[in-house]
Amino acid sequence: MSPGESAPLVSMIWALRVIQVVAGTSAAVTAIQPSTFTVPGAFPTSVFSKYYNQPTATSAQPQPVISDPITHTTYPFALTDPNDIPVNDTTDPHPLPPTAPSTLILHSAFTQLESLSTSSIFGSNACARCQAALEIGKFISLATPANGPEFFVHFCEIFNITSACEVTYGQFTGVGSVLTQVVANADVGGYDGQALCQNFFSMCPSPPTVELNLTNWFTKPKPHPLPPPRKPSGKRMNVLHISDLHLDPRYSTGSEANCTSGSCCRTNKRNANSPNSILLSAPRFGAYQCDSPLSLAIAALDAIPILTGTANTGFPITLYTGDLVSHDPDNQLSR
């Protein structure tokens, strides 16, 4: 009915057919007589004993007072009030699961990791699979950070990153705690996640270099005009540049210098093909697969003035650009 039209006489037309099933015969179809029924104008008030409004009025639907026949509790008008439809139900219970303990969160994360590792939706896209797994790792890192390293050890095992997962990603032997901190603050679904998956798990290609905008890095603008460059004197000078000594105070003369992995020349390193006997004895002044023993480092420094002809003059400028320590794993380093 369009706006402005008067309401026609309310009538309800019933067109019914009754299917009568007679034993031993097929169903017969008979029309009900009479075939029309006109609804009375007033609502039959005897249907309910009480009403919240005037039930005989035709401008609104009747609102009967309903009560529970067992408890005799009367339901409030608010349950059926057509002019007050609630937005929030704060009366009825809306149960939520209890807060999960950290052990359950970690166990659930393991389950999700295993599902991701075998899901066909990623196909051969290892990078997308890694970033999806890091989303789980991010919530672990935020909700239960103490379990972060254990999660990444399991991550390594599930995706077969290396045979030494505990050493590589453990809290006290590898990068587990550092990785937990980084993932907790990273956008693992975006650029950060791709970079992390490339650097820590080799499951993504290197992301493209982000364009660096230095506009707001400096509080003062570049001087204009620029000061004139200094006139070179033409005088030459000797500059000593020292770098990457990698001094190993744990270097052990006579230990295995041809170990299978890592930095050799330590008492805890062996060659996998000869675990009970040394194949190449570490000499006093170092070996190719080893960091520098103290004897080598001091000998190298002693040789500088002799080999450069600066025993009497020294160097006007000396540059040292770091990497003094050995290639120890994190668990062998200290502050």
Protein backbone atom coordinates (compact mmCIF):
# COMPACT_ATOMS: atom_id res chain seq x y z
CA MET A 1 0.00 0.00 0.00
CA SER A 2 1.49 3.36 -0.96
CA PRO A 3 1.53 6.29 1.52
CA GLY A 4 -1.74 8.18 1.73
CA GLU A 5 -4.01 5.32 0.72
CA SER A 6 -6.84 4.43 3.10
CA ALA A 7 -6.70 0.97 4.60
CA PRO A 8 -9.21 -1.40 2.99
CA LEU A 9 -11.48 -3.60 5.03
CA VAL A 10 -9.22 -6.18 6.55
CA SER A 11 -10.19 -9.56 5.26
CA MET A 12 -8.42 -12.84 5.04
CA ILE A 13 -9.20 -15.15 2.21
CA TRP A 14 -8.46 -18.77 2.75
CA ALA A 15 -8.23 -21.01 -0.23
CA LEU A 16 -7.74 -24.47 1.21
CA ARG A 17 -7.91 -27.91 -0.15
CA VAL A 18 -8.13 -30.95 2.06
CA ILE A 19 -6.60 -34.20 1.00
CA GLN A 20 -8.70 -37.06 2.29
CA VAL A 21 -7.02 -40.43 2.48
CA VAL A 22 -9.45 -43.30 2.24
CA ALA A 23 -8.26 -46.80 3.05
CA GLY A 24 -7.85 -48.85 -0.07
CA THR A 25 -8.39 -45.91 -2.44
CA SER A 26 -6.30 -43.11 -3.82
CA ALA A 27 -6.39 -39.62 -2.22
CA ALA A 28 -9.33 -37.42 -3.14
CA VAL A 29 -9.21 -33.65 -3.20
CA THR A 30 -12.21 -31.78 -1.84
CA ALA A 31 -12.67 -27.99 -1.60
CA ILE A 32 -13.67 -26.52 1.80
CA GLN A 33 -17.00 -24.70 1.89
CA PRO A 34 -17.34 -21.80 2.36
CA SER A 35 -14.10 -20.75 0.70
CA THR A 36 -13.81 -17.24 2.21
CA PHE A 37 -13.60 -15.82 5.74
CA THR A 38 -13.80 -12.17 6.80
CA VAL A 39 -11.94 -11.32 10.01
CA PRO A 40 -14.01 -9.34 12.56
CA GLY A 41 -12.93 -5.75 13.07
CA ALA A 42 -12.23 -6.01 16.83
CA PHE A 43 -9.62 -8.29 18.37
CA PRO A 44 -11.19 -11.11 20.44
CA THR A 45 -10.20 -9.91 23.92
CA SER A 46 -11.15 -13.20 25.56
CA VAL A 47 -7.96 -14.82 24.23
CA PHE A 48 -5.95 -13.24 27.10
CA SER A 49 -7.06 -12.11 30.53
CA LYS A 50 -4.98 -8.91 30.69
CA TYR A 51 -3.43 -6.47 28.24
CA TYR A 52 -0.81 -3.74 28.42
CA ASN A 53 -2.77 -1.67 25.93
CA GLN A 54 -6.32 -1.38 24.61
CA PRO A 55 -6.70 -4.59 22.59
CA THR A 56 -9.80 -3.50 20.70
CA ALA A 57 -7.98 -0.57 19.09
CA THR A 58 -7.22 -1.23 15.44
CA SER A 59 -4.32 1.24 15.21
CA ALA A 60 -1.85 -1.06 17.05
CA GLN A 61 -1.28 -4.73 17.73
CA PRO A 62 -2.62 -6.11 21.04
CA GLN A 63 -0.03 -6.42 23.82
CA PRO A 64 -1.25 -9.16 26.18
CA VAL A 65 0.17 -9.63 29.66
CA ILE A 66 1.94 -13.01 29.57
CA SER A 67 2.84 -14.98 32.69
CA ASP A 68 4.60 -18.26 33.33
CA PRO A 69 2.01 -20.92 34.26
CA ILE A 70 4.48 -22.67 36.57
CA THR A 71 6.25 -19.82 38.38
CA HIS A 72 3.42 -17.30 37.86
CA THR A 73 6.06 -14.75 36.91
CA THR A 74 4.71 -11.98 34.72
CA TYR A 75 6.95 -11.15 31.78
CA PRO A 76 7.64 -7.43 31.47
CA PHE A 77 6.18 -5.32 28.70
CA ALA A 78 9.74 -4.52 27.58
CA LEU A 79 9.97 -7.99 26.01
CA THR A 80 7.28 -7.17 23.44
CA ASP A 81 7.17 -3.37 23.40
CA PRO A 82 7.20 -2.43 19.67
CA ASN A 83 8.47 1.07 20.46
CA ASP A 84 11.44 0.02 22.59
CA ILE A 85 13.57 -2.54 20.78
CA PRO A 86 16.77 -3.15 22.76
CA VAL A 87 20.21 -2.73 21.23
CA ASN A 88 22.19 -4.57 23.91
CA ASP A 89 21.04 -7.50 26.00
CA THR A 90 22.76 -7.01 29.34
CA THR A 91 20.34 -9.17 31.31
CA ASP A 92 20.73 -12.62 29.80
CA PRO A 93 24.04 -14.46 30.26
CA HIS A 94 26.57 -14.27 27.42
CA PRO A 95 29.18 -16.81 28.49
CA LEU A 96 32.77 -16.41 27.31
CA PRO A 97 35.59 -18.93 27.66
CA PRO A 98 37.86 -18.53 30.69
CA THR A 99 41.29 -16.96 30.31
CA ALA A 100 43.60 -19.66 29.05
CA PRO A 101 46.81 -20.42 30.95
CA SER A 102 50.06 -19.87 29.10
CA THR A 103 50.60 -23.61 28.70
CA LEU A 104 47.29 -23.99 26.88
CA ILE A 105 48.04 -20.98 24.67
CA LEU A 106 51.38 -22.51 23.70
CA HIS A 107 49.83 -25.93 23.04
CA SER A 108 47.17 -24.31 20.84
CA ALA A 109 49.88 -22.43 18.98
CA PHE A 110 51.72 -25.69 18.32
CA THR A 111 48.52 -27.19 16.93
CA GLN A 112 48.02 -24.21 14.63
CA LEU A 113 51.64 -24.42 13.48
CA GLU A 114 51.21 -28.06 12.53
CA SER A 115 48.00 -27.25 10.65
CA LEU A 116 49.70 -24.44 8.74
CA SER A 117 52.65 -26.63 7.82
CA THR A 118 50.40 -29.14 6.06
CA SER A 119 47.70 -26.80 4.72
CA SER A 120 47.27 -27.06 0.96
CA ILE A 121 46.06 -23.47 0.63
CA PHE A 122 49.63 -22.13 0.60
CA GLY A 123 50.80 -24.57 -2.04
CA SER A 124 54.51 -24.06 -2.66
CA ASN A 125 54.50 -20.50 -1.27
CA ALA A 126 56.82 -20.98 1.70
CA CYS A 127 56.99 -17.23 2.31
CA ALA A 128 53.24 -16.86 2.82
CA ARG A 129 53.25 -19.96 5.03
CA CYS A 130 56.04 -18.46 7.16
CA GLN A 131 54.29 -15.11 7.56
CA ALA A 132 51.05 -16.84 8.55
CA ALA A 133 52.98 -18.81 11.17
CA LEU A 134 54.58 -15.60 12.45
CA GLU A 135 51.08 -14.23 13.12
CA ILE A 136 50.73 -17.03 15.67
CA GLY A 137 54.20 -16.24 16.98
CA LYS A 138 53.28 -12.59 17.45
CA PHE A 139 50.35 -13.42 19.72
CA ILE A 140 52.53 -15.84 21.68
CA SER A 141 55.19 -13.14 22.02
CA LEU A 142 52.60 -10.66 23.31
CA ALA A 143 50.42 -12.91 25.48
CA THR A 144 53.00 -15.26 26.96
CA PRO A 145 56.49 -14.01 26.04
CA ALA A 146 58.21 -16.55 28.30
CA ASN A 147 57.06 -19.20 25.83
CA GLY A 148 58.32 -17.29 22.79
CA PRO A 149 61.66 -19.12 22.44
CA GLU A 150 59.99 -22.52 22.83
CA PHE A 151 57.50 -21.55 20.13
CA PHE A 152 60.29 -20.65 17.70
CA VAL A 153 62.14 -23.87 18.46
CA HIS A 154 58.97 -25.75 17.51
CA PHE A 155 58.58 -23.47 14.48
CA CYS A 156 62.05 -24.57 13.38
CA GLU A 157 61.22 -28.25 13.91
CA ILE A 158 57.87 -28.11 12.09
CA PHE A 159 59.32 -26.37 9.03
CA ASN A 160 62.61 -28.29 9.18
CA ILE A 161 64.72 -25.12 9.22
CA THR A 162 67.82 -26.77 10.70
CA SER A 163 68.84 -29.90 12.57
CA ALA A 164 69.93 -27.80 15.57
CA CYS A 165 66.68 -25.99 16.40
CA GLU A 166 67.23 -25.83 20.17
CA VAL A 167 70.72 -24.40 19.76
CA THR A 168 69.64 -21.92 17.09
CA TYR A 169 66.35 -20.65 18.54
CA GLY A 170 66.52 -21.54 22.25
CA GLN A 171 66.36 -18.87 24.92
CA PHE A 172 69.78 -19.60 26.40
CA THR A 173 71.56 -21.02 23.37
CA GLY A 174 70.27 -19.02 20.40
CA VAL A 175 68.20 -16.06 19.24
CA GLY A 176 64.93 -17.13 20.88
CA SER A 177 64.58 -14.19 23.27
CA VAL A 178 65.70 -11.62 20.69
CA LEU A 179 63.33 -13.05 18.09
CA THR A 180 60.46 -12.95 20.61
CA GLN A 181 61.09 -9.25 21.27
CA VAL A 182 61.31 -8.40 17.58
CA VAL A 183 58.20 -10.36 16.57
CA ALA A 184 56.18 -8.82 19.41
CA ASN A 185 56.74 -5.38 17.89
CA ALA A 186 56.75 -6.30 14.20
CA ASP A 187 54.17 -6.03 11.45
CA VAL A 188 54.53 -9.72 10.68
CA GLY A 189 51.84 -9.68 8.01
CA GLY A 190 53.70 -7.02 6.03
CA TYR A 191 57.23 -5.94 5.22
CA ASP A 192 58.58 -6.85 8.69
CA GLY A 193 57.31 -10.40 8.41
CA GLN A 194 58.90 -10.94 5.03
CA ALA A 195 62.22 -9.61 6.32
CA LEU A 196 62.05 -11.82 9.43
CA CYS A 197 61.17 -14.91 7.41
CA GLN A 198 64.12 -14.22 5.13
CA ASN A 199 66.66 -13.45 7.83
CA PHE A 200 65.79 -15.98 10.53
CA PHE A 201 64.17 -18.84 8.58
CA SER A 202 65.23 -18.46 4.90
CA MET A 203 61.61 -18.97 3.84
CA CYS A 204 61.14 -15.65 2.00
CA PRO A 205 63.13 -13.75 -0.60
CA SER A 206 64.78 -10.55 0.57
CA PRO A 207 62.18 -7.77 0.55
CA PRO A 208 62.90 -4.70 -1.58
CA THR A 209 64.82 -1.89 0.07
CA VAL A 210 62.55 0.68 1.67
CA GLU A 211 62.98 4.20 0.35
CA LEU A 212 64.68 6.26 3.04
CA ASN A 213 63.30 9.74 3.66
CA LEU A 214 65.70 11.89 5.67
CA THR A 215 63.56 15.03 5.56
CA ASN A 216 62.78 15.08 9.27
CA TRP A 217 66.04 13.60 10.54
CA PHE A 218 67.81 16.90 11.10
CA THR A 219 66.53 19.83 13.13
CA LYS A 220 68.51 22.42 11.22
CA PRO A 221 68.34 22.92 7.45
CA LYS A 222 71.42 22.48 5.32
CA PRO A 223 73.38 25.75 5.23
CA HIS A 224 72.84 27.84 2.16
CA PRO A 225 75.07 28.67 0.54
CA LEU A 226 77.36 25.78 1.44
CA PRO A 227 80.72 26.74 2.95
CA PRO A 228 83.57 26.62 0.44
CA PRO A 229 85.59 23.38 0.46
CA ARG A 230 88.97 23.48 2.12
CA LYS A 231 91.94 23.65 -0.18
CA PRO A 232 93.91 20.38 -0.05
CA SER A 233 97.46 20.76 1.20
CA GLY A 234 98.84 18.03 -1.03
CA LYS A 235 100.66 16.49 1.94
CA ARG A 236 100.36 12.70 2.31
CA MET A 237 99.94 10.89 5.60
CA ASN A 238 99.90 7.29 6.74
CA VAL A 239 96.63 5.97 8.18
CA LEU A 240 96.44 2.70 10.11
CA HIS A 241 93.18 0.80 9.73
CA ILE A 242 92.61 -2.23 11.98
CA SER A 243 89.49 -4.38 11.74
CA ASP A 244 88.12 -7.85 12.41
CA LEU A 245 90.72 -9.22 14.80
CA HIS A 246 88.20 -11.75 16.14
CA LEU A 247 90.33 -12.52 19.14
CA ASP A 248 89.53 -15.92 20.64
CA PRO A 249 90.67 -16.16 24.27
CA ARG A 250 89.42 -19.79 24.28
CA TYR A 251 91.72 -20.80 21.44
CA SER A 252 93.43 -24.03 22.48
CA THR A 253 96.76 -24.97 20.92
CA GLY A 254 96.68 -28.62 19.87
CA SER A 255 92.89 -28.87 19.55
CA GLU A 256 91.05 -29.78 16.33
CA ALA A 257 91.72 -27.18 13.61
CA ASN A 258 89.65 -29.06 11.01
CA CYS A 259 86.32 -29.36 12.78
CA THR A 260 83.05 -30.06 10.98
CA SER A 261 81.15 -26.87 11.86
CA GLY A 262 81.62 -23.52 13.51
CA SER A 263 84.86 -21.94 14.61
CA CYS A 264 87.51 -24.59 15.26
CA CYS A 265 90.60 -24.74 17.51
CA ARG A 266 88.63 -25.24 20.68
CA THR A 267 88.56 -28.22 23.00
CA ASN A 268 84.84 -28.83 22.40
CA LYS A 269 85.13 -29.04 18.59
CA ARG A 270 85.60 -32.27 16.67
CA ASN A 271 85.56 -33.54 13.12
CA ALA A 272 82.49 -35.73 12.58
CA ASN A 273 84.55 -38.21 10.58
CA SER A 274 87.10 -38.54 13.37
CA PRO A 275 85.41 -37.80 16.69
CA ASN A 276 88.01 -39.59 18.82
CA SER A 277 91.23 -38.36 17.25
CA ILE A 278 92.44 -34.96 16.02
CA LEU A 279 92.97 -34.67 12.28
CA LEU A 280 94.71 -31.28 12.26
CA SER A 281 96.35 -29.98 15.43
CA ALA A 282 95.79 -26.26 16.07
CA PRO A 283 99.15 -24.45 15.80
CA ARG A 284 100.30 -21.73 18.18
CA PHE A 285 99.74 -18.89 15.72
CA GLY A 286 96.30 -19.84 14.43
CA ALA A 287 94.62 -21.80 11.63
CA TYR A 288 92.34 -20.97 8.71
CA GLN A 289 89.06 -22.24 10.24
CA CYS A 290 89.75 -20.64 13.62
CA ASP A 291 89.51 -17.21 15.18
CA SER A 292 92.72 -15.45 16.22
CA PRO A 293 94.70 -16.72 19.21
CA LEU A 294 96.30 -14.08 21.41
CA SER A 295 99.76 -15.05 20.11
CA LEU A 296 98.70 -14.24 16.53
CA ALA A 297 97.03 -10.94 17.42
CA ILE A 298 100.03 -9.61 19.36
CA ALA A 299 102.44 -10.78 16.67
CA ALA A 300 100.37 -8.96 14.03
CA LEU A 301 100.42 -5.72 16.02
CA ASP A 302 104.16 -6.03 16.62
CA ALA A 303 104.73 -6.40 12.88
CA ILE A 304 102.89 -3.22 11.86
CA PRO A 305 105.61 -0.60 12.59
CA ILE A 306 108.32 -2.84 11.14
CA LEU A 307 106.46 -3.61 7.90
CA THR A 308 105.20 -0.05 7.39
CA GLY A 309 108.37 1.82 8.28
CA THR A 310 106.67 3.78 11.03
CA ALA A 311 108.66 2.56 14.03
CA ASN A 312 109.91 6.11 14.74
CA THR A 313 106.97 8.20 13.46
CA GLY A 314 103.84 6.26 14.30
CA PHE A 315 100.56 7.07 12.55
CA PRO A 316 98.81 10.48 12.51
CA ILE A 317 95.45 8.71 12.31
CA THR A 318 94.41 5.20 13.38
CA LEU A 319 90.99 3.75 12.60
CA TYR A 320 89.59 0.71 14.36
CA THR A 321 86.29 -0.49 12.93
CA GLY A 322 85.35 -3.27 15.30
CA ASP A 323 84.74 -7.02 15.32
CA LEU A 324 87.15 -7.71 18.13
CA VAL A 325 85.27 -10.70 19.60
CA SER A 326 85.26 -14.28 18.36
CA HIS A 327 82.41 -15.95 16.48
CA ASP A 328 80.88 -17.40 19.62
CA PRO A 329 77.24 -18.48 19.70
CA ASP A 330 75.13 -16.36 22.03
CA ASN A 331 75.20 -18.90 24.84
CA GLN A 332 79.01 -18.60 25.06
CA LEU A 333 79.08 -14.81 25.24
CA SER A 334 78.67 -12.59 28.31
CA ARG A 335 78.13 -8.94 28.96
